[in-house]
C-alpha cells in the first residue's frame, strides 16, 4: 500500500499550477501602448498666423472658435471665413471646411492638423497653405449674456463704412438679437434681423463661448442670402469685442466680423 502523503500530492500540485496560471493572467501586459484619448479643442483661439500656398503670412491675427467639433475660423483682414466639423483621433484631426470670401462660398477645403489642448491648433490646407492658432487667455472667463448685452457694430461681407454705416446688432438681457442698422454696401447690403423674428444668443456652460442664430432677411441685390444662420461667438478685452461667425444652413453664405461696442 502506498503512503497516504502520495495520495494527497496530486490535488496540491494541481492547486499550484492553477495558481501560477491565474497569476500570469493578472500580470500579463500587452506590448501595444494604450490609445491616446481624443483631445478636446473647445475654446477661442487668437493671435494665429495664416500662410498661403507660397509660404507668405497673409494674416497674423487669425482667429477660431471650436465647440462640439464645429471649427469656425476667420481672417478679418482678408475677408475670409471657414466652417466645418472636425474628426478628432487622439491629438490629430481632419476636416473639410467651406471657405467664404466676403461672405460668399468659394470652395470646400480639406485640412489635416494637430491639437495641443489648451495651447494651440495647427493645420495644413491640402490645396496649399497652413495655419497656427493660439488658445486665448479669455477662455478662463465665463460666458454670460449680461456681458454682451449692448449694441455691437462691424463691417461685414466686404462692406466699408464708419460707425453708423455698418451692420449693428442689439443683444437684449434675454439673449434676443435684432439689428439696429444695416450696411450701405457689400454682400449683405440691406440685410436685417427683424424684431418680429429675432435672432438668439445663448451662453455655453463651462466656456466663454456663445451659440448664435439669426433669421436674415430683406437683403438687397440678387445674391439670395436671406435665410437662417447659425454659428459661434465669444467676447473679450474684456467684453469690448464680440468675435462673431455664422453661416446659412445650405453653406452658401457666411457672416463674420470683430464687432465693437457702440459708445
Protein backbone atom coordinates (compact mmCIF):
# COMPACT_ATOMS: atom_id res chain seq x y z
CA UNK A 1 0.00 0.00 0.00
CA UNK A 2 1.28 3.48 -0.96
CA UNK A 3 1.85 6.04 1.75
CA UNK A 4 -1.01 8.43 2.41
CA UNK A 5 1.06 11.55 1.63
CA UNK A 6 1.48 10.46 -2.02
CA UNK A 7 -2.28 10.34 -2.46
CA UNK A 8 -2.62 13.99 -1.29
CA UNK A 9 0.17 15.32 -3.57
CA UNK A 10 -1.93 15.30 -6.76
CA UNK A 11 -4.53 17.93 -5.71
CA UNK A 12 -1.72 20.01 -4.18
CA UNK A 13 0.21 20.06 -7.47
CA UNK A 14 -2.92 20.97 -9.41
CA UNK A 15 -3.58 23.82 -6.99
CA UNK A 16 -0.07 25.23 -7.51
CA UNK A 17 -0.32 25.01 -11.29
CA UNK A 18 -3.73 26.69 -11.32
CA UNK A 19 -2.38 29.48 -9.10
CA UNK A 20 0.55 30.10 -11.46
CA UNK A 21 -1.77 30.30 -14.47
CA UNK A 22 -4.00 32.82 -12.70
CA UNK A 23 -1.03 34.93 -11.63
CA UNK A 24 0.30 35.01 -15.18
CA UNK A 25 -3.05 36.33 -16.35
CA UNK A 26 -3.01 39.05 -13.70
CA UNK A 27 0.45 40.35 -14.62
CA UNK A 28 0.28 39.97 -18.41
CA UNK A 29 0.58 43.25 -20.30
CA UNK A 30 0.07 43.93 -23.97
CA UNK A 31 3.02 45.22 -25.98
CA UNK A 32 0.66 47.74 -27.65
CA UNK A 33 0.59 51.18 -26.00
CA UNK A 34 -2.70 52.47 -24.61
CA UNK A 35 -4.57 54.63 -27.14
CA UNK A 36 -4.25 58.42 -26.76
CA UNK A 37 -7.53 59.97 -25.56
CA UNK A 38 -9.17 62.27 -28.08
CA UNK A 39 -8.16 65.89 -27.48
CA UNK A 40 -10.78 68.48 -26.57
CA UNK A 41 -10.14 71.66 -28.61
CA UNK A 42 -13.15 73.63 -27.30
CA UNK A 43 -12.39 77.31 -26.94
CA UNK A 44 -11.46 80.57 -28.60
CA UNK A 45 -8.14 80.92 -30.44
CA UNK A 46 -6.48 84.16 -31.49
CA UNK A 47 -3.14 85.71 -32.47
CA UNK A 48 -2.79 82.99 -35.07
CA UNK A 49 -0.98 83.06 -38.40
CA UNK A 50 -2.46 82.15 -41.77
CA UNK A 51 0.01 81.31 -44.54
CA UNK A 52 -0.79 80.98 -48.24
CA UNK A 53 0.48 78.32 -50.64
CA UNK A 54 3.62 80.38 -51.35
CA UNK A 55 4.53 80.35 -47.66
CA UNK A 56 3.70 84.01 -47.15
CA UNK A 57 1.93 85.03 -43.95
CA UNK A 58 -1.26 86.80 -45.02
CA UNK A 59 -2.73 87.28 -41.55
CA UNK A 60 -1.08 87.42 -38.14
CA UNK A 61 -4.40 87.87 -36.32
CA UNK A 62 -6.11 84.68 -37.49
CA UNK A 63 -8.93 83.55 -35.15
CA UNK A 64 -11.05 80.49 -34.48
CA UNK A 65 -13.82 79.22 -32.24
CA UNK A 66 -14.31 75.49 -31.62
CA UNK A 67 -17.27 73.89 -29.90
CA UNK A 68 -18.74 70.38 -30.09
CA UNK A 69 -16.46 69.57 -33.03
CA UNK A 70 -17.50 72.62 -35.07
CA UNK A 71 -14.50 74.62 -36.25
CA UNK A 72 -15.07 78.21 -37.36
CA UNK A 73 -12.09 80.35 -38.38
CA UNK A 74 -11.82 83.84 -39.78
CA UNK A 75 -9.36 86.33 -41.17
CA UNK A 76 -10.90 89.77 -40.84
CA UNK A 77 -8.05 91.36 -42.81
CA UNK A 78 -8.71 89.15 -45.82
CA UNK A 79 -12.49 88.79 -45.52
CA UNK A 80 -12.16 85.03 -45.06
CA UNK A 81 -14.39 82.65 -43.09
CA UNK A 82 -14.10 78.85 -42.74
CA UNK A 83 -16.71 76.49 -41.29
CA UNK A 84 -16.58 72.71 -40.84
CA UNK A 85 -16.73 69.77 -38.44
CA UNK A 86 -13.57 68.20 -37.02
CA UNK A 87 -12.96 64.44 -36.91
CA UNK A 88 -10.59 64.00 -33.96
CA UNK A 89 -8.40 60.97 -33.35
CA UNK A 90 -6.08 61.36 -30.39
CA UNK A 91 -4.29 64.68 -30.88
CA UNK A 92 -4.87 64.76 -34.65
CA UNK A 93 -7.83 65.93 -36.69
CA UNK A 94 -9.17 66.09 -40.20
CA UNK A 95 -11.93 68.27 -41.57
CA UNK A 96 -13.39 69.64 -44.75
CA UNK A 97 -14.39 73.26 -44.31
CA UNK A 98 -16.41 75.57 -46.51
CA UNK A 99 -14.36 78.64 -47.37
CA UNK A 100 -16.06 82.03 -47.80
CA UNK A 101 -14.68 85.29 -49.16
CA UNK A 102 -16.57 88.40 -48.08
CA UNK A 103 -19.50 86.19 -47.12
CA UNK A 104 -19.79 84.20 -50.36
CA UNK A 105 -18.93 80.49 -50.62
CA UNK A 106 -15.79 79.91 -52.68
CA UNK A 107 -14.83 76.26 -52.21
CA UNK A 108 -14.64 73.25 -49.91
CA UNK A 109 -11.16 72.81 -48.45
CA UNK A 110 -9.63 69.74 -46.77
CA UNK A 111 -7.45 70.27 -43.68
CA UNK A 112 -5.32 67.96 -41.55
CA UNK A 113 -3.82 69.10 -38.29
CA UNK A 114 -2.87 68.65 -34.67
CA UNK A 115 -4.34 69.77 -31.35
CA UNK A 116 -2.38 70.70 -28.26
CA UNK A 117 -5.37 71.09 -25.93
CA UNK A 118 -5.32 74.35 -24.01
CA UNK A 119 -2.40 75.65 -26.07
CA UNK A 120 -2.70 75.65 -29.87
CA UNK A 121 -4.11 74.15 -33.04
CA UNK A 122 -2.02 73.76 -36.19
CA UNK A 123 -3.29 72.77 -39.61
CA UNK A 124 -2.21 72.14 -43.19
CA UNK A 125 -4.56 73.05 -46.01
CA UNK A 126 -4.26 70.35 -48.65
CA UNK A 127 -4.81 72.80 -51.51
CA UNK A 128 -1.96 74.95 -50.16
CA UNK A 129 -1.26 76.95 -47.03
CA UNK A 130 -1.21 76.39 -43.30
CA UNK A 131 -2.21 77.99 -40.01
CA UNK A 132 -1.37 78.16 -36.33
CA UNK A 133 -3.93 79.19 -33.71
CA UNK A 134 -3.19 80.15 -30.10
CA UNK A 135 -5.55 79.35 -27.21
CA UNK A 136 -6.78 82.69 -25.79
CA UNK A 137 -6.50 83.79 -22.16
CA UNK A 138 -10.14 84.89 -22.29
CA UNK A 139 -11.15 81.20 -22.19
CA UNK A 140 -10.73 81.45 -18.40
CA UNK A 141 -13.76 83.77 -18.28
CA UNK A 142 -17.34 82.53 -18.10
CA UNK A 143 -19.84 83.41 -20.81
CA UNK A 144 -22.96 85.31 -19.75
CA UNK A 145 -25.46 87.15 -21.90
CA UNK A 146 -25.21 90.07 -19.48
CA UNK A 147 -21.59 90.53 -20.63
CA UNK A 148 -22.66 91.15 -24.24
CA UNK A 149 -25.98 92.90 -23.60
CA UNK A 150 -25.47 96.00 -25.75
CA UNK A 151 -25.28 97.26 -29.34
CA UNK A 152 -22.39 95.97 -31.47
CA UNK A 153 -21.16 97.18 -34.87
CA UNK A 154 -18.92 95.87 -37.65
CA UNK A 155 -18.39 95.89 -41.39
CA UNK A 156 -19.45 92.54 -42.88
CA UNK A 157 -19.40 90.87 -46.28
CA UNK A 158 -16.88 93.28 -47.75
CA UNK A 159 -18.77 96.40 -46.67
CA UNK A 160 -16.87 99.59 -45.94
CA UNK A 161 -18.05 102.34 -43.67
CA UNK A 162 -17.71 104.06 -40.34
CA UNK A 163 -19.97 103.56 -37.33
CA UNK A 164 -23.46 104.47 -38.48
CA UNK A 165 -22.96 102.86 -41.88
CA UNK A 166 -22.03 99.42 -40.53
CA UNK A 167 -24.12 96.40 -39.56
CA UNK A 168 -25.33 96.78 -35.96
CA UNK A 169 -26.82 94.14 -33.71
CA UNK A 170 -28.58 94.75 -30.40
CA UNK A 171 -28.44 91.94 -27.81
CA UNK A 172 -31.08 92.07 -25.05
CA UNK A 173 -30.82 90.70 -21.50
CA UNK A 174 -32.69 87.51 -22.50
CA UNK A 175 -30.39 86.89 -25.46
CA UNK A 176 -32.79 88.14 -28.14
CA UNK A 177 -30.91 89.76 -31.04
CA UNK A 178 -32.14 92.27 -33.62
CA UNK A 179 -30.34 94.65 -35.94
CA UNK A 180 -30.14 98.36 -35.21
CA UNK A 181 -28.63 99.32 -38.54
CA UNK A 182 -27.93 97.70 -41.91
CA UNK A 183 -24.88 98.10 -44.14
CA UNK A 184 -24.92 100.51 -47.07
CA UNK A 185 -22.79 98.31 -49.35
CA UNK A 186 -21.10 94.91 -49.56
CA UNK A 187 -22.63 91.48 -49.99
CA UNK A 188 -25.01 91.90 -47.04
CA UNK A 189 -26.32 95.31 -48.13
CA UNK A 190 -29.71 95.94 -46.52
CA UNK A 191 -29.81 92.59 -44.66
CA UNK A 192 -31.83 92.73 -41.43
CA UNK A 193 -32.74 90.78 -38.30
CA UNK A 194 -36.27 91.99 -37.62
CA UNK A 195 -37.83 92.33 -34.14
CA UNK A 196 -40.77 90.21 -35.30
CA UNK A 197 -38.43 87.26 -35.93
CA UNK A 198 -35.48 87.73 -33.57
CA UNK A 199 -32.08 86.08 -33.51
CA UNK A 200 -30.73 84.44 -30.35
CA UNK A 201 -27.52 84.48 -28.33
CA UNK A 202 -27.08 81.66 -25.77
CA UNK A 203 -24.13 81.17 -23.42
CA UNK A 204 -22.45 77.74 -23.39
CA UNK A 205 -21.92 76.34 -19.88
CA UNK A 206 -18.31 75.97 -18.76
CA UNK A 207 -16.92 78.13 -21.55
CA UNK A 208 -16.59 81.75 -22.65
CA UNK A 209 -18.49 80.92 -25.84
CA UNK A 210 -21.96 81.61 -27.22
CA UNK A 211 -24.24 79.87 -29.68
CA UNK A 212 -25.74 82.40 -32.09
CA UNK A 213 -28.56 82.13 -34.59
CA UNK A 214 -30.44 84.66 -36.69
CA UNK A 215 -33.01 84.77 -39.49
CA UNK A 216 -31.51 87.17 -42.05
CA UNK A 217 -33.96 88.84 -44.45
CA UNK A 218 -34.54 91.80 -46.76
CA UNK A 219 -31.08 91.58 -48.34
CA UNK A 220 -30.88 93.72 -51.49
CA UNK A 221 -29.44 92.57 -54.80
CA UNK A 222 -29.65 89.16 -56.43
CA UNK A 223 -27.44 87.07 -54.13
CA UNK A 224 -30.35 85.42 -52.32
CA UNK A 225 -28.56 85.37 -48.98
CA UNK A 226 -31.75 85.57 -46.90
CA UNK A 227 -32.16 82.60 -44.57
CA UNK A 228 -31.44 81.07 -41.16
CA UNK A 229 -27.86 81.41 -39.95
CA UNK A 230 -26.16 79.65 -37.03
CA UNK A 231 -22.70 79.96 -35.54
CA UNK A 232 -20.46 80.77 -32.63
CA UNK A 233 -19.29 83.89 -30.82
CA UNK A 234 -17.14 84.99 -27.89
CA UNK A 235 -16.31 88.22 -26.11
CA UNK A 236 -13.06 89.55 -24.74
CA UNK A 237 -10.88 92.60 -24.00
CA UNK A 238 -12.93 92.41 -21.60
CA UNK A 239 -16.27 92.48 -23.36
CA UNK A 240 -15.19 95.29 -25.71
CA UNK A 241 -15.06 92.98 -28.73
CA UNK A 242 -17.60 90.43 -29.91
CA UNK A 243 -15.98 87.82 -32.18
CA UNK A 244 -18.92 86.69 -34.31
CA UNK A 245 -19.22 84.00 -37.00
CA UNK A 246 -22.25 82.32 -38.54
CA UNK A 247 -23.25 80.63 -41.80
CA UNK A 248 -26.51 79.84 -43.56
CA UNK A 249 -27.93 76.32 -43.45
CA UNK A 250 -27.02 75.36 -47.04
CA UNK A 251 -23.47 76.74 -46.55
CA UNK A 252 -23.81 79.24 -49.42
CA UNK A 253 -23.18 82.37 -47.32
CA UNK A 254 -21.38 83.32 -44.14
CA UNK A 255 -21.39 86.41 -41.94
CA UNK A 256 -18.49 87.25 -39.64
CA UNK A 257 -16.58 90.08 -38.03
CA UNK A 258 -14.96 91.55 -34.97
CA UNK A 259 -17.86 93.59 -33.60
CA UNK A 260 -17.07 96.50 -31.31
CA UNK A 261 -19.35 98.02 -28.70
CA UNK A 262 -21.19 101.13 -29.85
CA UNK A 263 -20.35 104.00 -27.48
